[in-house]
């Protein structure tokens, strides 16, 4: 009986550690992604013609940072994203 309780406690502690690690990892990734978006936002203000790729725009939209408008790149056959000017 005691052995079963020890095993159950070890499993519960292991599960709690795993969930805690997953939560910390997710929070860290979200913080890093938001920091990237803020950096891109500042660069868009500094550099004329600054553009974002579609995955960058999607990342920033996911975190609710600025609004991006699709534009066609003149020199390439790919779509790029550019910030809206206020």
N, C-alpha and C. Protein backbone atom coordinates (compact mmCIF):
# COMPACT_ATOMS: atom_id res chain seq x y z
N UNK A 1 0.82 -1.20 0.00
CA UNK A 1 0.00 0.00 0.00
C UNK A 1 0.86 1.26 0.00
N UNK A 2 1.87 1.28 0.85
CA UNK A 2 2.75 2.45 0.92
C UNK A 2 3.53 2.60 -0.39
N UNK A 3 3.94 1.49 -0.97
CA UNK A 3 4.66 1.51 -2.25
C UNK A 3 3.79 2.12 -3.35
N UNK A 4 2.52 1.78 -3.36
CA UNK A 4 1.59 2.32 -4.35
C UNK A 4 1.41 3.82 -4.17
N UNK A 5 1.33 4.28 -2.91
CA UNK A 5 1.20 5.70 -2.65
C UNK A 5 2.46 6.46 -3.07
N UNK A 6 3.62 5.88 -2.83
CA UNK A 6 4.88 6.51 -3.24
C UNK A 6 4.95 6.62 -4.77
N UNK A 7 4.53 5.57 -5.44
CA UNK A 7 4.53 5.58 -6.90
C UNK A 7 3.56 6.63 -7.43
N UNK A 8 2.37 6.68 -6.85
CA UNK A 8 1.38 7.66 -7.27
C UNK A 8 1.88 9.09 -7.01
N UNK A 9 2.53 9.30 -5.89
CA UNK A 9 3.07 10.63 -5.57
C UNK A 9 4.18 11.00 -6.55
N UNK A 10 5.04 10.06 -6.88
CA UNK A 10 6.12 10.32 -7.83
C UNK A 10 5.55 10.67 -9.21
N UNK A 11 4.52 9.96 -9.63
CA UNK A 11 3.89 10.25 -10.91
C UNK A 11 3.25 11.64 -10.89
N UNK A 12 2.57 11.98 -9.80
CA UNK A 12 1.93 13.29 -9.68
C UNK A 12 2.96 14.42 -9.70
N UNK A 13 4.07 14.24 -9.00
CA UNK A 13 5.12 15.25 -8.97
C UNK A 13 5.74 15.39 -10.36
N UNK A 14 6.00 14.27 -11.02
CA UNK A 14 6.56 14.30 -12.37
C UNK A 14 5.64 15.00 -13.34
N UNK A 15 4.36 14.73 -13.25
CA UNK A 15 3.38 15.37 -14.12
C UNK A 15 3.33 16.87 -13.86
N UNK A 16 3.33 17.26 -12.57
CA UNK A 16 3.31 18.68 -12.22
C UNK A 16 4.55 19.39 -12.75
N UNK A 17 5.71 18.76 -12.66
CA UNK A 17 6.93 19.35 -13.19
C UNK A 17 6.86 19.51 -14.71
N UNK A 18 6.32 18.51 -15.38
CA UNK A 18 6.18 18.55 -16.83
C UNK A 18 5.24 19.67 -17.26
N UNK A 19 4.12 19.82 -16.58
CA UNK A 19 3.17 20.89 -16.89
C UNK A 19 3.80 22.25 -16.61
N UNK A 20 4.50 22.37 -15.50
CA UNK A 20 5.18 23.63 -15.16
C UNK A 20 6.23 24.00 -16.18
N UNK A 21 7.00 23.02 -16.65
CA UNK A 21 8.01 23.27 -17.66
C UNK A 21 7.36 23.72 -18.97
N UNK A 22 6.28 23.07 -19.36
CA UNK A 22 5.56 23.46 -20.57
C UNK A 22 5.01 24.88 -20.48
N UNK A 23 4.46 25.22 -19.34
CA UNK A 23 3.94 26.57 -19.15
C UNK A 23 5.06 27.61 -19.24
N UNK A 24 6.19 27.35 -18.57
CA UNK A 24 7.32 28.28 -18.60
C UNK A 24 7.88 28.42 -20.01
N UNK A 25 7.97 27.33 -20.73
CA UNK A 25 8.47 27.37 -22.10
C UNK A 25 7.54 28.19 -22.99
N UNK A 26 6.25 27.98 -22.88
CA UNK A 26 5.27 28.73 -23.67
C UNK A 26 5.33 30.22 -23.35
N UNK A 27 5.43 30.56 -22.09
CA UNK A 27 5.50 31.97 -21.70
C UNK A 27 6.76 32.62 -22.25
N UNK A 28 7.87 31.90 -22.21
CA UNK A 28 9.13 32.44 -22.74
C UNK A 28 9.08 32.65 -24.25
N UNK A 29 8.51 31.71 -24.97
CA UNK A 29 8.39 31.84 -26.43
C UNK A 29 7.48 33.02 -26.78
N UNK A 30 6.37 33.15 -26.09
CA UNK A 30 5.46 34.28 -26.35
C UNK A 30 6.14 35.61 -26.08
N UNK A 31 6.91 35.69 -24.99
CA UNK A 31 7.62 36.92 -24.67
C UNK A 31 8.64 37.27 -25.75
N UNK A 32 9.37 36.26 -26.24
CA UNK A 32 10.37 36.48 -27.29
C UNK A 32 9.70 36.91 -28.60
N UNK A 33 8.56 36.31 -28.93
CA UNK A 33 7.85 36.67 -30.16
C UNK A 33 7.34 38.11 -30.09
N UNK A 34 6.80 38.51 -28.94
CA UNK A 34 6.32 39.89 -28.79
C UNK A 34 7.49 40.87 -28.91
N UNK A 35 8.63 40.52 -28.34
CA UNK A 35 9.81 41.39 -28.42
C UNK A 35 10.26 41.55 -29.87
N UNK A 36 10.20 40.46 -30.64
CA UNK A 36 10.55 40.55 -32.06
C UNK A 36 9.61 41.50 -32.80
N UNK A 37 8.32 41.39 -32.53
CA UNK A 37 7.34 42.24 -33.19
C UNK A 37 7.57 43.71 -32.85
N UNK A 38 7.88 43.99 -31.61
CA UNK A 38 8.16 45.37 -31.22
C UNK A 38 9.41 45.88 -31.93
N UNK A 39 10.42 45.02 -32.06
CA UNK A 39 11.64 45.40 -32.78
C UNK A 39 11.32 45.70 -34.24
N UNK A 40 10.50 44.85 -34.88
CA UNK A 40 10.12 45.07 -36.28
C UNK A 40 9.29 46.34 -36.43
N UNK A 41 8.45 46.60 -35.44
CA UNK A 41 7.63 47.80 -35.46
C UNK A 41 8.52 49.04 -35.44
N UNK A 42 9.54 49.03 -34.60
CA UNK A 42 10.48 50.16 -34.53
C UNK A 42 11.27 50.30 -35.84
N UNK A 43 11.68 49.17 -36.41
CA UNK A 43 12.42 49.23 -37.67
C UNK A 43 11.54 49.75 -38.80
N UNK A 44 10.27 49.44 -38.78
CA UNK A 44 9.35 49.94 -39.81
C UNK A 44 9.23 51.45 -39.73
N UNK A 45 9.31 51.99 -38.53
CA UNK A 45 9.26 53.44 -38.37
C UNK A 45 10.56 54.10 -38.83
N UNK A 46 11.68 53.40 -38.67
CA UNK A 46 12.99 53.97 -39.00
C UNK A 46 13.34 53.90 -40.48
N UNK A 47 13.00 52.79 -41.12
CA UNK A 47 13.49 52.53 -42.46
C UNK A 47 12.36 52.58 -43.48
N UNK A 48 12.50 53.46 -44.47
CA UNK A 48 11.52 53.53 -45.55
C UNK A 48 11.56 52.24 -46.36
N UNK A 49 10.42 51.74 -46.74
CA UNK A 49 10.36 50.52 -47.53
C UNK A 49 10.54 49.25 -46.73
N UNK A 50 10.52 49.35 -45.40
CA UNK A 50 10.64 48.16 -44.56
C UNK A 50 9.46 47.24 -44.81
N UNK A 51 9.69 45.96 -44.90
CA UNK A 51 8.60 45.02 -45.14
C UNK A 51 8.74 43.80 -44.24
N UNK A 52 7.64 43.10 -44.09
CA UNK A 52 7.59 41.85 -43.32
C UNK A 52 7.19 40.72 -44.24
N UNK A 53 7.69 39.55 -43.95
CA UNK A 53 7.22 38.36 -44.66
C UNK A 53 5.87 37.97 -44.07
N UNK A 54 5.19 37.06 -44.72
CA UNK A 54 3.84 36.68 -44.26
C UNK A 54 3.88 36.04 -42.87
N UNK A 55 4.93 35.26 -42.56
CA UNK A 55 4.98 34.63 -41.24
C UNK A 55 5.25 35.66 -40.15
N UNK A 56 6.02 36.71 -40.47
CA UNK A 56 6.26 37.76 -39.48
C UNK A 56 4.97 38.53 -39.20
N UNK A 57 4.24 38.84 -40.26
CA UNK A 57 2.98 39.56 -40.10
C UNK A 57 1.99 38.73 -39.29
N UNK A 58 1.92 37.42 -39.58
CA UNK A 58 1.01 36.54 -38.85
C UNK A 58 1.39 36.47 -37.37
N UNK A 59 2.68 36.43 -37.10
CA UNK A 59 3.15 36.39 -35.71
C UNK A 59 2.71 37.64 -34.96
N UNK A 60 2.89 38.80 -35.58
CA UNK A 60 2.53 40.05 -34.92
C UNK A 60 1.02 40.20 -34.77
N UNK A 61 0.27 39.76 -35.77
CA UNK A 61 -1.19 39.80 -35.66
C UNK A 61 -1.67 38.89 -34.53
N UNK A 62 -1.01 37.74 -34.37
CA UNK A 62 -1.37 36.81 -33.29
C UNK A 62 -1.23 37.46 -31.92
N UNK A 63 -0.20 38.29 -31.77
CA UNK A 63 0.05 38.95 -30.49
C UNK A 63 -0.62 40.32 -30.39
N UNK A 64 -1.38 40.70 -31.43
CA UNK A 64 -2.12 41.95 -31.40
C UNK A 64 -1.25 43.19 -31.51
N UNK A 65 -0.12 43.07 -32.19
CA UNK A 65 0.78 44.20 -32.34
C UNK A 65 0.65 44.77 -33.74
N UNK A 66 0.17 46.01 -33.81
CA UNK A 66 0.00 46.78 -35.04
C UNK A 66 -0.90 46.05 -36.05
N UNK A 67 -1.16 46.72 -37.15
CA UNK A 67 -1.97 46.17 -38.24
C UNK A 67 -1.12 46.20 -39.48
N UNK A 68 -1.08 45.10 -40.21
CA UNK A 68 -0.22 45.00 -41.38
C UNK A 68 -1.07 44.96 -42.64
N UNK A 69 -0.57 45.56 -43.69
CA UNK A 69 -1.29 45.61 -44.96
C UNK A 69 -0.47 44.88 -46.02
N UNK A 70 -1.09 43.99 -46.75
CA UNK A 70 -0.38 43.24 -47.79
C UNK A 70 -0.06 44.16 -48.97
N UNK A 71 1.15 44.06 -49.47
CA UNK A 71 1.55 44.79 -50.67
C UNK A 71 2.32 43.83 -51.57
N UNK A 72 2.38 44.13 -52.83
CA UNK A 72 3.13 43.30 -53.77
C UNK A 72 4.53 43.88 -53.91
N UNK A 73 5.53 43.03 -53.75
CA UNK A 73 6.91 43.46 -53.90
C UNK A 73 7.20 43.66 -55.38
N UNK A 74 7.80 44.77 -55.74
CA UNK A 74 8.03 45.09 -57.15
C UNK A 74 9.11 44.22 -57.78
N UNK A 75 10.09 43.79 -57.01
CA UNK A 75 11.25 43.10 -57.57
C UNK A 75 11.19 41.58 -57.44
N UNK A 76 10.16 41.05 -56.81
CA UNK A 76 10.07 39.61 -56.57
C UNK A 76 8.65 39.13 -56.88
N UNK A 77 8.50 37.87 -57.09
CA UNK A 77 7.19 37.29 -57.35
C UNK A 77 6.53 36.78 -56.07
N UNK A 78 6.95 37.30 -54.93
CA UNK A 78 6.36 36.86 -53.66
C UNK A 78 5.62 38.02 -53.03
N UNK A 79 4.68 37.71 -52.19
CA UNK A 79 3.98 38.74 -51.45
C UNK A 79 4.76 39.07 -50.19
N UNK A 80 4.86 40.33 -49.87
CA UNK A 80 5.50 40.79 -48.64
C UNK A 80 4.49 41.63 -47.88
N UNK A 81 4.81 41.99 -46.68
CA UNK A 81 3.89 42.74 -45.83
C UNK A 81 4.55 44.05 -45.41
N UNK A 82 3.78 45.12 -45.42
CA UNK A 82 4.31 46.42 -45.07
C UNK A 82 3.37 47.05 -44.03
N UNK A 83 3.95 47.86 -43.14
CA UNK A 83 3.13 48.46 -42.11
C UNK A 83 2.24 49.54 -42.69
N UNK A 84 1.08 49.71 -42.07
CA UNK A 84 0.19 50.83 -42.42
C UNK A 84 0.77 52.09 -41.82
N UNK A 85 0.77 53.13 -42.56
CA UNK A 85 1.24 54.43 -42.05
C UNK A 85 0.05 55.17 -41.47
N UNK A 86 0.22 55.65 -40.23
CA UNK A 86 -0.88 56.38 -39.58
C UNK A 86 -0.84 57.83 -39.94
